């Protein structure tokens, strides 16, 4: 598959570069890895659960539901 240039934040690029070092991946490979994980996780969660992962659960019940789904 041909590659495509995508802009990401400097913070994400830095975090990916650091994680790639210990994970034995390239920086781009690390970002692809995170994207695949996110896509896989998101396909098993409701919109409310995805929001809870991004912003933090609003209650212990919501936290438990997200943890169980994962």
N, C-alpha and C. Protein backbone atom coordinates (compact mmCIF):
# COMPACT_ATOMS: atom_id res chain seq x y z
N UNK A 1 0.85 -1.17 0.00
CA UNK A 1 0.00 0.00 0.00
C UNK A 1 0.89 1.24 0.00
N UNK A 2 0.59 2.23 -0.83
CA UNK A 2 1.42 3.43 -0.87
C UNK A 2 1.27 4.25 0.41
N UNK A 3 2.31 4.95 0.78
CA UNK A 3 2.24 5.78 1.97
C UNK A 3 1.64 7.14 1.62
N UNK A 4 1.11 7.81 2.65
CA UNK A 4 0.48 9.10 2.51
C UNK A 4 1.01 9.99 3.63
N UNK A 5 1.34 11.22 3.34
CA UNK A 5 1.81 12.15 4.36
C UNK A 5 0.62 12.66 5.16
N UNK A 6 0.76 12.64 6.49
CA UNK A 6 -0.29 13.12 7.39
C UNK A 6 0.38 14.00 8.44
N UNK A 7 -0.24 15.14 8.75
CA UNK A 7 0.30 16.00 9.79
C UNK A 7 -0.24 15.55 11.14
N UNK A 8 0.66 15.48 12.12
CA UNK A 8 0.29 15.18 13.50
C UNK A 8 0.91 16.24 14.39
N UNK A 9 0.42 16.36 15.60
CA UNK A 9 0.97 17.35 16.52
C UNK A 9 2.40 17.00 16.89
N UNK A 10 3.15 17.99 17.27
CA UNK A 10 4.52 17.77 17.71
C UNK A 10 4.58 16.89 18.94
N UNK A 11 3.59 17.04 19.83
CA UNK A 11 3.55 16.22 21.04
C UNK A 11 3.37 14.75 20.70
N UNK A 12 2.47 14.46 19.77
CA UNK A 12 2.25 13.07 19.36
C UNK A 12 3.50 12.52 18.69
N UNK A 13 4.12 13.30 17.83
CA UNK A 13 5.33 12.85 17.14
C UNK A 13 6.44 12.55 18.14
N UNK A 14 6.59 13.41 19.15
CA UNK A 14 7.62 13.19 20.17
C UNK A 14 7.34 11.94 20.99
N UNK A 15 6.07 11.77 21.40
CA UNK A 15 5.71 10.59 22.17
C UNK A 15 5.92 9.32 21.35
N UNK A 16 5.58 9.37 20.07
CA UNK A 16 5.76 8.21 19.20
C UNK A 16 7.23 7.88 19.02
N UNK A 17 8.05 8.91 18.89
CA UNK A 17 9.49 8.68 18.73
C UNK A 17 10.07 8.01 19.96
N UNK A 18 9.65 8.47 21.14
CA UNK A 18 10.14 7.88 22.39
C UNK A 18 9.66 6.43 22.54
N UNK A 19 8.37 6.20 22.31
CA UNK A 19 7.82 4.85 22.43
C UNK A 19 8.39 3.91 21.39
N UNK A 20 8.65 4.43 20.20
CA UNK A 20 9.18 3.59 19.12
C UNK A 20 10.55 3.03 19.48
N UNK A 21 11.32 3.79 20.23
CA UNK A 21 12.66 3.34 20.62
C UNK A 21 12.64 2.07 21.42
N UNK A 22 11.79 2.00 22.42
CA UNK A 22 11.75 0.79 23.25
C UNK A 22 10.87 -0.30 22.66
N UNK A 23 10.01 0.06 21.70
CA UNK A 23 9.13 -0.94 21.09
C UNK A 23 9.72 -1.52 19.81
N UNK A 24 10.90 -1.05 19.44
CA UNK A 24 11.58 -1.52 18.23
C UNK A 24 10.73 -1.32 16.97
N UNK A 25 10.16 -0.09 16.88
CA UNK A 25 9.39 0.30 15.70
C UNK A 25 9.94 1.64 15.22
N UNK A 26 9.59 2.00 14.00
CA UNK A 26 9.88 3.35 13.54
C UNK A 26 8.86 4.29 14.16
N UNK A 27 9.11 5.58 14.06
CA UNK A 27 8.16 6.57 14.57
C UNK A 27 6.81 6.42 13.85
N UNK A 28 6.85 6.30 12.54
CA UNK A 28 5.62 6.11 11.77
C UNK A 28 4.95 4.79 12.13
N UNK A 29 5.75 3.76 12.33
CA UNK A 29 5.21 2.46 12.72
C UNK A 29 4.51 2.52 14.07
N UNK A 30 5.05 3.32 14.99
CA UNK A 30 4.44 3.46 16.31
C UNK A 30 3.08 4.16 16.20
N UNK A 31 3.02 5.21 15.39
CA UNK A 31 1.75 5.92 15.21
C UNK A 31 0.73 5.00 14.55
N UNK A 32 1.16 4.20 13.56
CA UNK A 32 0.26 3.23 12.93
C UNK A 32 -0.23 2.20 13.95
N UNK A 33 0.67 1.75 14.82
CA UNK A 33 0.31 0.79 15.86
C UNK A 33 -0.77 1.38 16.76
N UNK A 34 -0.56 2.61 17.23
CA UNK A 34 -1.55 3.25 18.08
C UNK A 34 -2.88 3.44 17.35
N UNK A 35 -2.83 3.78 16.08
CA UNK A 35 -4.05 3.97 15.29
C UNK A 35 -4.82 2.66 15.17
N UNK A 36 -4.11 1.56 14.94
CA UNK A 36 -4.78 0.26 14.84
C UNK A 36 -5.41 -0.15 16.17
N UNK A 37 -4.69 0.09 17.26
CA UNK A 37 -5.25 -0.21 18.59
C UNK A 37 -6.50 0.62 18.83
N UNK A 38 -6.42 1.90 18.54
CA UNK A 38 -7.56 2.78 18.74
C UNK A 38 -8.76 2.37 17.92
N UNK A 39 -8.53 2.02 16.67
CA UNK A 39 -9.63 1.60 15.80
C UNK A 39 -10.26 0.30 16.31
N UNK A 40 -9.43 -0.61 16.76
CA UNK A 40 -9.94 -1.87 17.29
C UNK A 40 -10.74 -1.68 18.57
N UNK A 41 -10.23 -0.86 19.45
CA UNK A 41 -10.92 -0.59 20.71
C UNK A 41 -12.23 0.14 20.45
N UNK A 42 -12.18 1.16 19.60
CA UNK A 42 -13.36 1.97 19.33
C UNK A 42 -14.50 1.14 18.74
N UNK A 43 -14.18 0.11 17.98
CA UNK A 43 -15.22 -0.71 17.37
C UNK A 43 -15.97 -1.55 18.39
N UNK A 44 -15.47 -1.64 19.62
CA UNK A 44 -16.11 -2.44 20.67
C UNK A 44 -16.76 -1.59 21.76
N UNK A 45 -16.70 -0.28 21.62
CA UNK A 45 -17.23 0.61 22.65
C UNK A 45 -18.36 1.47 22.11
N UNK A 46 -19.21 1.90 23.01
CA UNK A 46 -20.25 2.86 22.63
C UNK A 46 -19.64 4.26 22.56
N UNK A 47 -20.37 5.19 21.98
CA UNK A 47 -19.89 6.57 21.90
C UNK A 47 -19.64 7.13 23.30
N UNK A 48 -20.49 6.78 24.25
CA UNK A 48 -20.33 7.26 25.63
C UNK A 48 -19.05 6.70 26.24
N UNK A 49 -18.75 5.44 25.96
CA UNK A 49 -17.53 4.82 26.50
C UNK A 49 -16.28 5.43 25.87
N UNK A 50 -16.34 5.73 24.57
CA UNK A 50 -15.21 6.38 23.91
C UNK A 50 -14.97 7.75 24.54
N UNK A 51 -16.04 8.48 24.76
CA UNK A 51 -15.91 9.80 25.41
C UNK A 51 -15.29 9.66 26.79
N UNK A 52 -15.71 8.63 27.53
CA UNK A 52 -15.16 8.41 28.87
C UNK A 52 -13.67 8.12 28.82
N UNK A 53 -13.22 7.41 27.80
CA UNK A 53 -11.78 7.14 27.65
C UNK A 53 -11.02 8.42 27.37
N UNK A 54 -11.63 9.31 26.58
CA UNK A 54 -10.95 10.56 26.21
C UNK A 54 -10.96 11.59 27.32
N UNK A 55 -12.05 11.67 28.08
CA UNK A 55 -12.19 12.74 29.06
C UNK A 55 -12.16 12.26 30.49
N UNK A 56 -12.25 10.97 30.68
CA UNK A 56 -12.34 10.41 32.02
C UNK A 56 -13.78 10.05 32.33
N UNK A 57 -14.00 8.91 32.95
CA UNK A 57 -15.37 8.48 33.25
C UNK A 57 -16.03 9.42 34.25
N UNK A 58 -17.34 9.61 34.10
CA UNK A 58 -18.08 10.50 34.98
C UNK A 58 -18.48 9.82 36.29
N UNK A 59 -18.43 8.49 36.32
CA UNK A 59 -18.82 7.77 37.53
C UNK A 59 -18.04 6.46 37.61
N UNK A 60 -18.09 5.85 38.76
CA UNK A 60 -17.45 4.55 38.95
C UNK A 60 -18.13 3.49 38.09
N UNK A 61 -19.44 3.61 37.90
CA UNK A 61 -20.17 2.65 37.07
C UNK A 61 -19.68 2.76 35.63
N UNK A 62 -19.53 3.99 35.14
CA UNK A 62 -19.04 4.19 33.78
C UNK A 62 -17.60 3.68 33.65
N UNK A 63 -16.79 3.92 34.64
CA UNK A 63 -15.40 3.44 34.64
C UNK A 63 -15.37 1.92 34.57
N UNK A 64 -16.22 1.27 35.33
CA UNK A 64 -16.28 -0.20 35.33
C UNK A 64 -16.77 -0.72 33.98
N UNK A 65 -17.73 -0.04 33.37
CA UNK A 65 -18.25 -0.48 32.07
C UNK A 65 -17.18 -0.40 30.99
N UNK A 66 -16.40 0.66 31.01
CA UNK A 66 -15.31 0.80 30.04
C UNK A 66 -14.26 -0.27 30.27
N UNK A 67 -13.90 -0.48 31.52
CA UNK A 67 -12.89 -1.49 31.84
C UNK A 67 -13.37 -2.88 31.41
N UNK A 68 -14.64 -3.18 31.64
CA UNK A 68 -15.17 -4.48 31.25
C UNK A 68 -15.17 -4.65 29.73
N UNK A 69 -15.49 -3.58 29.01
CA UNK A 69 -15.51 -3.65 27.54
C UNK A 69 -14.11 -3.89 26.98
N UNK A 70 -13.12 -3.33 27.64
CA UNK A 70 -11.75 -3.52 27.17
C UNK A 70 -11.24 -4.89 27.53
